[in-house]
Amino acid sequence: MFLVVWTTKVAEIVQSSYILDGELYEDHWIATDTYKEAEETFADLQKLDDVYSITICQPVKSTEAHFVMEEV
């Protein structure tokens, strides 16, 4: 499992938004089964103007052990 996590700039305050350096942001994430899917999602997000940052990561600890890599 891979997680794609991204932050967008938003124009108005919503429940999950926060202020950083005077700008409004909101965080998002999606789980993918393969690294290739994560890379494709990453590439699609890079094309959007309101995306501030994007990260691909993997769980290192979870109550769902099958989501965790054996060696980090």
PDB file of N, CA and C in Angstrom:
ATOM      1  N   MET A   1       0.835  -1.171   0.000  1.00  0.00           N
ATOM      2  CA  MET A   1       0.000   0.000   0.000  1.00  0.00           C
ATOM      3  C   MET A   1       0.885   1.240   0.000  1.00  0.00           C
ATOM      4  N   PHE A   2       0.454   2.207  -0.774  1.00  0.00           N
ATOM      5  CA  PHE A   2       1.115   3.511  -0.826  1.00  0.00           C
ATOM      6  C   PHE A   2       0.063   4.583  -0.595  1.00  0.00           C
ATOM      7  N   LEU A   3       0.440   5.621   0.090  1.00  0.00           N
ATOM      8  CA  LEU A   3      -0.443   6.753   0.322  1.00  0.00           C
ATOM      9  C   LEU A   3       0.070   7.944  -0.471  1.00  0.00           C
ATOM     10  N   VAL A   4      -0.835   8.603  -1.159  1.00  0.00           N
ATOM     11  CA  VAL A   4      -0.505   9.861  -1.813  1.00  0.00           C
ATOM     12  C   VAL A   4      -1.202  10.936  -0.983  1.00  0.00           C
ATOM     13  N   VAL A   5      -0.405  11.841  -0.447  1.00  0.00           N
ATOM     14  CA  VAL A   5      -0.913  12.890   0.436  1.00  0.00           C
ATOM     15  C   VAL A   5      -0.609  14.226  -0.232  1.00  0.00           C
ATOM     16  N   TRP A   6      -1.616  15.096  -0.322  1.00  0.00           N
ATOM     17  CA  TRP A   6      -1.377  16.388  -0.948  1.00  0.00           C
ATOM     18  C   TRP A   6      -2.126  17.491  -0.219  1.00  0.00           C
ATOM     19  N   THR A   7      -1.620  18.683  -0.393  1.00  0.00           N
ATOM     20  CA  THR A   7      -2.202  19.868   0.207  1.00  0.00           C
ATOM     21  C   THR A   7      -2.601  20.826  -0.901  1.00  0.00           C
ATOM     22  N   THR A   8      -3.800  21.393  -0.769  1.00  0.00           N
ATOM     23  CA  THR A   8      -4.267  22.367  -1.748  1.00  0.00           C
ATOM     24  C   THR A   8      -4.492  23.711  -1.064  1.00  0.00           C
ATOM     25  N   LYS A   9      -4.313  24.757  -1.852  1.00  0.00           N
ATOM     26  CA  LYS A   9      -4.697  26.084  -1.393  1.00  0.00           C
ATOM     27  C   LYS A   9      -6.195  26.220  -1.623  1.00  0.00           C
ATOM     28  N   VAL A  10      -6.887  26.782  -0.643  1.00  0.00           N
ATOM     29  CA  VAL A  10      -8.336  26.952  -0.772  1.00  0.00           C
ATOM     30  C   VAL A  10      -8.694  28.422  -0.643  1.00  0.00           C
ATOM     31  N   ALA A  11      -9.817  28.798  -1.239  1.00  0.00           N
ATOM     32  CA  ALA A  11     -10.223  30.206  -1.277  1.00  0.00           C
ATOM     33  C   ALA A  11     -11.056  30.613  -0.064  1.00  0.00           C
ATOM     34  N   GLU A  12     -11.744  29.641   0.542  1.00  0.00           N
ATOM     35  CA  GLU A  12     -12.580  29.982   1.683  1.00  0.00           C
ATOM     36  C   GLU A  12     -12.433  28.923   2.775  1.00  0.00           C
ATOM     37  N   ILE A  13     -12.716  29.299   3.984  1.00  0.00           N
ATOM     38  CA  ILE A  13     -12.568  28.393   5.122  1.00  0.00           C
ATOM     39  C   ILE A  13     -13.615  27.288   5.054  1.00  0.00           C
ATOM     40  N   VAL A  14     -13.144  26.056   5.168  1.00  0.00           N
ATOM     41  CA  VAL A  14     -14.013  24.887   5.316  1.00  0.00           C
ATOM     42  C   VAL A  14     -13.587  24.193   6.605  1.00  0.00           C
ATOM     43  N   GLN A  15     -14.348  23.205   7.041  1.00  0.00           N
ATOM     44  CA  GLN A  15     -14.103  22.574   8.333  1.00  0.00           C
ATOM     45  C   GLN A  15     -12.679  22.040   8.469  1.00  0.00           C
ATOM     46  N   SER A  16     -12.119  21.480   7.414  1.00  0.00           N
ATOM     47  CA  SER A  16     -10.805  20.847   7.508  1.00  0.00           C
ATOM     48  C   SER A  16      -9.656  21.757   7.063  1.00  0.00           C
ATOM     49  N   SER A  17      -9.925  23.022   6.789  1.00  0.00           N
ATOM     50  CA  SER A  17      -8.857  23.909   6.335  1.00  0.00           C
ATOM     51  C   SER A  17      -8.080  24.481   7.509  1.00  0.00           C
ATOM     52  N   TYR A  18      -6.880  24.962   7.210  1.00  0.00           N
ATOM     53  CA  TYR A  18      -6.045  25.596   8.226  1.00  0.00           C
ATOM     54  C   TYR A  18      -5.249  26.718   7.586  1.00  0.00           C
ATOM     55  N   ILE A  19      -4.763  27.620   8.416  1.00  0.00           N
ATOM     56  CA  ILE A  19      -4.018  28.784   7.931  1.00  0.00           C
ATOM     57  C   ILE A  19      -2.533  28.556   8.183  1.00  0.00           C
ATOM     58  N   LEU A  20      -1.728  28.798   7.154  1.00  0.00           N
ATOM     59  CA  LEU A  20      -0.271  28.704   7.253  1.00  0.00           C
ATOM     60  C   LEU A  20       0.307  29.892   6.497  1.00  0.00           C
ATOM     61  N   ASP A  21       1.078  30.698   7.176  1.00  0.00           N
ATOM     62  CA  ASP A  21       1.675  31.888   6.565  1.00  0.00           C
ATOM     63  C   ASP A  21       0.634  32.768   5.869  1.00  0.00           C
ATOM     64  N   GLY A  22      -0.535  32.908   6.496  1.00  0.00           N
ATOM     65  CA  GLY A  22      -1.568  33.786   5.966  1.00  0.00           C
ATOM     66  C   GLY A  22      -2.376  33.219   4.813  1.00  0.00           C
ATOM     67  N   GLU A  23      -2.110  31.972   4.414  1.00  0.00           N
ATOM     68  CA  GLU A  23      -2.846  31.326   3.317  1.00  0.00           C
ATOM     69  C   GLU A  23      -3.696  30.190   3.880  1.00  0.00           C
ATOM     70  N   LEU A  24      -4.817  29.889   3.221  1.00  0.00           N
ATOM     71  CA  LEU A  24      -5.683  28.780   3.619  1.00  0.00           C
ATOM     72  C   LEU A  24      -5.298  27.514   2.860  1.00  0.00           C
ATOM     73  N   TYR A  25      -5.213  26.386   3.578  1.00  0.00           N
ATOM     74  CA  TYR A  25      -4.851  25.108   2.973  1.00  0.00           C
ATOM     75  C   TYR A  25      -5.775  24.002   3.468  1.00  0.00           C
ATOM     76  N   GLU A  26      -5.828  22.917   2.697  1.00  0.00           N
ATOM     77  CA  GLU A  26      -6.588  21.735   3.085  1.00  0.00           C
ATOM     78  C   GLU A  26      -5.792  20.503   2.666  1.00  0.00           C
ATOM     79  N   ASP A  27      -5.739  19.487   3.536  1.00  0.00           N
ATOM     80  CA  ASP A  27      -5.007  18.252   3.250  1.00  0.00           C
ATOM     81  C   ASP A  27      -5.939  17.174   2.710  1.00  0.00           C
ATOM     82  N   HIS A  28      -5.375  16.305   1.861  1.00  0.00           N
ATOM     83  CA  HIS A  28      -6.118  15.211   1.235  1.00  0.00           C
ATOM     84  C   HIS A  28      -5.213  13.986   1.173  1.00  0.00           C
ATOM     85  N   TRP A  29      -5.796  12.819   1.007  1.00  0.00           N
ATOM     86  CA  TRP A  29      -4.995  11.615   0.814  1.00  0.00           C
ATOM     87  C   TRP A  29      -5.808  10.565   0.074  1.00  0.00           C
ATOM     88  N   ILE A  30      -5.076   9.634  -0.539  1.00  0.00           N
ATOM     89  CA  ILE A  30      -5.693   8.487  -1.197  1.00  0.00           C
ATOM     90  C   ILE A  30      -4.736   7.308  -1.048  1.00  0.00           C
ATOM     91  N   ALA A  31      -5.280   6.132  -0.845  1.00  0.00           N
ATOM     92  CA  ALA A  31      -4.480   4.911  -0.757  1.00  0.00           C
ATOM     93  C   ALA A  31      -4.469   4.225  -2.119  1.00  0.00           C
ATOM     94  N   THR A  32      -3.288   3.722  -2.514  1.00  0.00           N
ATOM     95  CA  THR A  32      -3.163   2.973  -3.762  1.00  0.00           C
ATOM     96  C   THR A  32      -2.526   1.617  -3.458  1.00  0.00           C
ATOM     97  N   ASP A  33      -2.776   0.648  -4.323  1.00  0.00           N
ATOM     98  CA  ASP A  33      -2.236  -0.695  -4.115  1.00  0.00           C
ATOM     99  C   ASP A  33      -0.801  -0.836  -4.606  1.00  0.00           C
ATOM    100  N   THR A  34      -0.430  -0.043  -5.607  1.00  0.00           N
ATOM    101  CA  THR A  34       0.907  -0.183  -6.180  1.00  0.00           C
ATOM    102  C   THR A  34       1.614   1.167  -6.255  1.00  0.00           C
ATOM    103  N   TYR A  35       2.935   1.100  -6.340  1.00  0.00           N
ATOM    104  CA  TYR A  35       3.715   2.326  -6.483  1.00  0.00           C
ATOM    105  C   TYR A  35       3.404   3.002  -7.819  1.00  0.00           C
ATOM    106  N   LYS A  36       3.170   2.196  -8.853  1.00  0.00           N
ATOM    107  CA  LYS A  36       2.844   2.765 -10.168  1.00  0.00           C
ATOM    108  C   LYS A  36       1.566   3.608 -10.086  1.00  0.00           C
ATOM    109  N   GLU A  37       0.550   3.100  -9.390  1.00  0.00           N
ATOM    110  CA  GLU A  37      -0.689   3.875  -9.220  1.00  0.00           C
ATOM    111  C   GLU A  37      -0.420   5.166  -8.451  1.00  0.00           C
ATOM    112  N   ALA A  38       0.428   5.078  -7.445  1.00  0.00           N
ATOM    113  CA  ALA A  38       0.774   6.265  -6.663  1.00  0.00           C
ATOM    114  C   ALA A  38       1.489   7.291  -7.540  1.00  0.00           C
ATOM    115  N   GLU A  39       2.411   6.827  -8.377  1.00  0.00           N
ATOM    116  CA  GLU A  39       3.122   7.732  -9.287  1.00  0.00           C
ATOM    117  C   GLU A  39       2.171   8.388 -10.278  1.00  0.00           C
ATOM    118  N   GLU A  40       1.206   7.634 -10.786  1.00  0.00           N
ATOM    119  CA  GLU A  40       0.229   8.186 -11.728  1.00  0.00           C
ATOM    120  C   GLU A  40      -0.631   9.262 -11.050  1.00  0.00           C
ATOM    121  N   THR A  41      -1.057   8.986  -9.827  1.00  0.00           N
ATOM    122  CA  THR A  41      -1.831   9.969  -9.067  1.00  0.00           C
ATOM    123  C   THR A  41      -1.001  11.212  -8.812  1.00  0.00           C
ATOM    124  N   PHE A  42       0.261  11.029  -8.430  1.00  0.00           N
ATOM    125  CA  PHE A  42       1.192  12.127  -8.199  1.00  0.00           C
ATOM    126  C   PHE A  42       1.301  12.995  -9.453  1.00  0.00           C
ATOM    127  N   ALA A  43       1.503  12.355 -10.598  1.00  0.00           N
ATOM    128  CA  ALA A  43       1.648  13.089 -11.864  1.00  0.00           C
ATOM    129  C   ALA A  43       0.375  13.864 -12.201  1.00  0.00           C
ATOM    130  N   ASP A  44      -0.789  13.260 -11.974  1.00  0.00           N
ATOM    131  CA  ASP A  44      -2.053  13.949 -12.235  1.00  0.00           C
ATOM    132  C   ASP A  44      -2.213  15.171 -11.331  1.00  0.00           C
ATOM    133  N   LEU A  45      -1.835  15.021 -10.066  1.00  0.00           N
ATOM    134  CA  LEU A  45      -1.953  16.128  -9.116  1.00  0.00           C
ATOM    135  C   LEU A  45      -1.003  17.272  -9.448  1.00  0.00           C
ATOM    136  N   GLN A  46       0.175  16.948  -9.984  1.00  0.00           N
ATOM    137  CA  GLN A  46       1.144  17.988 -10.349  1.00  0.00           C
ATOM    138  C   GLN A  46       0.602  18.937 -11.408  1.00  0.00           C
ATOM    139  N   LYS A  47      -0.371  18.504 -12.170  1.00  0.00           N
ATOM    140  CA  LYS A  47      -0.951  19.325 -13.235  1.00  0.00           C
ATOM    141  C   LYS A  47      -1.947  20.366 -12.715  1.00  0.00           C
ATOM    142  N   LEU A  48      -2.353  20.231 -11.449  1.00  0.00           N
ATOM    143  CA  LEU A  48      -3.370  21.121 -10.887  1.00  0.00           C
ATOM    144  C   LEU A  48      -2.738  22.367 -10.285  1.00  0.00           C
ATOM    145  N   ASP A  49      -3.338  23.511 -10.545  1.00  0.00           N
ATOM    146  CA  ASP A  49      -2.788  24.789 -10.091  1.00  0.00           C
ATOM    147  C   ASP A  49      -2.903  25.008  -8.583  1.00  0.00           C
ATOM    148  N   ASP A  50      -3.925  24.416  -7.948  1.00  0.00           N
ATOM    149  CA  ASP A  50      -4.141  24.687  -6.529  1.00  0.00           C
ATOM    150  C   ASP A  50      -3.388  23.745  -5.590  1.00  0.00           C
ATOM    151  N   VAL A  51      -2.618  22.801  -6.133  1.00  0.00           N
ATOM    152  CA  VAL A  51      -1.868  21.862  -5.294  1.00  0.00           C
ATOM    153  C   VAL A  51      -0.587  22.522  -4.814  1.00  0.00           C
ATOM    154  N   TYR A  52      -0.403  22.529  -3.496  1.00  0.00           N
ATOM    155  CA  TYR A  52       0.755  23.162  -2.868  1.00  0.00           C
ATOM    156  C   TYR A  52       1.896  22.164  -2.678  1.00  0.00           C
ATOM    157  N   SER A  53       1.583  20.939  -2.241  1.00  0.00           N
ATOM    158  CA  SER A  53       2.605  19.915  -2.058  1.00  0.00           C
ATOM    159  C   SER A  53       1.996  18.530  -2.241  1.00  0.00           C
ATOM    160  N   ILE A  54       2.852  17.553  -2.613  1.00  0.00           N
ATOM    161  CA  ILE A  54       2.420  16.172  -2.825  1.00  0.00           C
ATOM    162  C   ILE A  54       3.504  15.253  -2.277  1.00  0.00           C
ATOM    163  N   THR A  55       3.098  14.180  -1.619  1.00  0.00           N
ATOM    164  CA  THR A  55       4.036  13.209  -1.078  1.00  0.00           C
ATOM    165  C   THR A  55       3.503  11.800  -1.317  1.00  0.00           C
ATOM    166  N   ILE A  56       4.399  10.879  -1.676  1.00  0.00           N
ATOM    167  CA  ILE A  56       4.081   9.458  -1.714  1.00  0.00           C
ATOM    168  C   ILE A  56       4.760   8.837  -0.500  1.00  0.00           C
ATOM    169  N   CYS A  57       4.006   8.086   0.281  1.00  0.00           N
ATOM    170  CA  CYS A  57       4.588   7.453   1.467  1.00  0.00           C
ATOM    171  C   CYS A  57       3.959   6.076   1.692  1.00  0.00           C
ATOM    172  N   GLN A  58       4.531   5.344   2.647  1.00  0.00           N
ATOM    173  CA  GLN A  58       4.014   4.040   3.036  1.00  0.00           C
ATOM    174  C   GLN A  58       3.833   3.987   4.545  1.00  0.00           C
ATOM    175  N   PRO A  59       2.848   3.217   5.008  1.00  0.00           N
ATOM    176  CA  PRO A  59       2.683   3.047   6.450  1.00  0.00           C
ATOM    177  C   PRO A  59       3.894   2.314   7.042  1.00  0.00           C
ATOM    178  N   VAL A  60       4.338   2.761   8.199  1.00  0.00           N
ATOM    179  CA  VAL A  60       5.430   2.073   8.897  1.00  0.00           C
ATOM    180  C   VAL A  60       4.927   1.396  10.172  1.00  0.00           C
ATOM    181  N   LYS A  61       3.730   1.777  10.616  1.00  0.00           N
ATOM    182  CA  LYS A  61       3.104   1.132  11.759  1.00  0.00           C
ATOM    183  C   LYS A  61       1.601   1.241  11.582  1.00  0.00           C
ATOM    184  N   SER A  62       0.903   0.144  11.831  1.00  0.00           N
ATOM    185  CA  SER A  62      -0.543   0.149  11.615  1.00  0.00           C
ATOM    186  C   SER A  62      -1.200  -0.958  12.428  1.00  0.00           C
ATOM    187  N   THR A  63      -2.462  -0.764  12.771  1.00  0.00           N
ATOM    188  CA  THR A  63      -3.237  -1.844  13.375  1.00  0.00           C
ATOM    189  C   THR A  63      -3.579  -2.900  12.336  1.00  0.00           C
ATOM    190  N   GLU A  64      -3.393  -2.566  11.076  1.00  0.00           N
ATOM    191  CA  GLU A  64      -3.585  -3.493   9.960  1.00  0.00           C
ATOM    192  C   GLU A  64      -2.204  -3.910   9.457  1.00  0.00           C
ATOM    193  N   ALA A  65      -1.643  -4.931  10.049  1.00  0.00           N
ATOM    194  CA  ALA A  65      -0.251  -5.316   9.794  1.00  0.00           C
ATOM    195  C   ALA A  65       0.055  -5.566   8.322  1.00  0.00           C
ATOM    196  N   HIS A  66      -0.902  -6.007   7.538  1.00  0.00           N
ATOM    197  CA  HIS A  66      -0.639  -6.296   6.129  1.00  0.00           C
ATOM    198  C   HIS A  66      -0.351  -5.036   5.309  1.00  0.00           C
ATOM    199  N   PHE A  67      -0.591  -3.853   5.865  1.00  0.00           N
ATOM    200  CA  PHE A  67      -0.282  -2.613   5.164  1.00  0.00           C
ATOM    201  C   PHE A  67       1.154  -2.150   5.389  1.00  0.00           C
ATOM    202  N   VAL A  68       1.874  -2.774   6.297  1.00  0.00           N
ATOM    203  CA  VAL A  68       3.192  -2.322   6.687  1.00  0.00           C
ATOM    204  C   VAL A  68       4.283  -3.131   5.984  1.00  0.00           C
ATOM    205  N   MET A  69       5.301  -2.409   5.481  1.00  0.00           N
ATOM    206  CA  MET A  69       6.445  -3.085   4.883  1.00  0.00           C
ATOM    207  C   MET A  69       7.172  -3.870   5.962  1.00  0.00           C
ATOM    208  N   GLU A  70       7.777  -5.000   5.586  1.00  0.00           N
ATOM    209  CA  GLU A  70       8.505  -5.796   6.571  1.00  0.00           C
ATOM    210  C   GLU A  70       9.772  -5.084   7.026  1.00  0.00           C
ATOM    211  N   GLU A  71      10.490  -4.443   6.122  1.00  0.00           N
ATOM    212  CA  GLU A  71      11.722  -3.697   6.440  1.00  0.00           C
ATOM    213  C   GLU A  71      11.588  -2.294   5.925  1.00  0.00           C
ATOM    214  N   VAL A  72      11.901  -1.348   6.736  1.00  0.00           N
ATOM    215  CA  VAL A  72      11.866   0.052   6.308  1.00  0.00           C
ATOM    216  C   VAL A  72      13.265   0.498   5.997  1.00  0.00           C
TER     217      VAL A  72
END
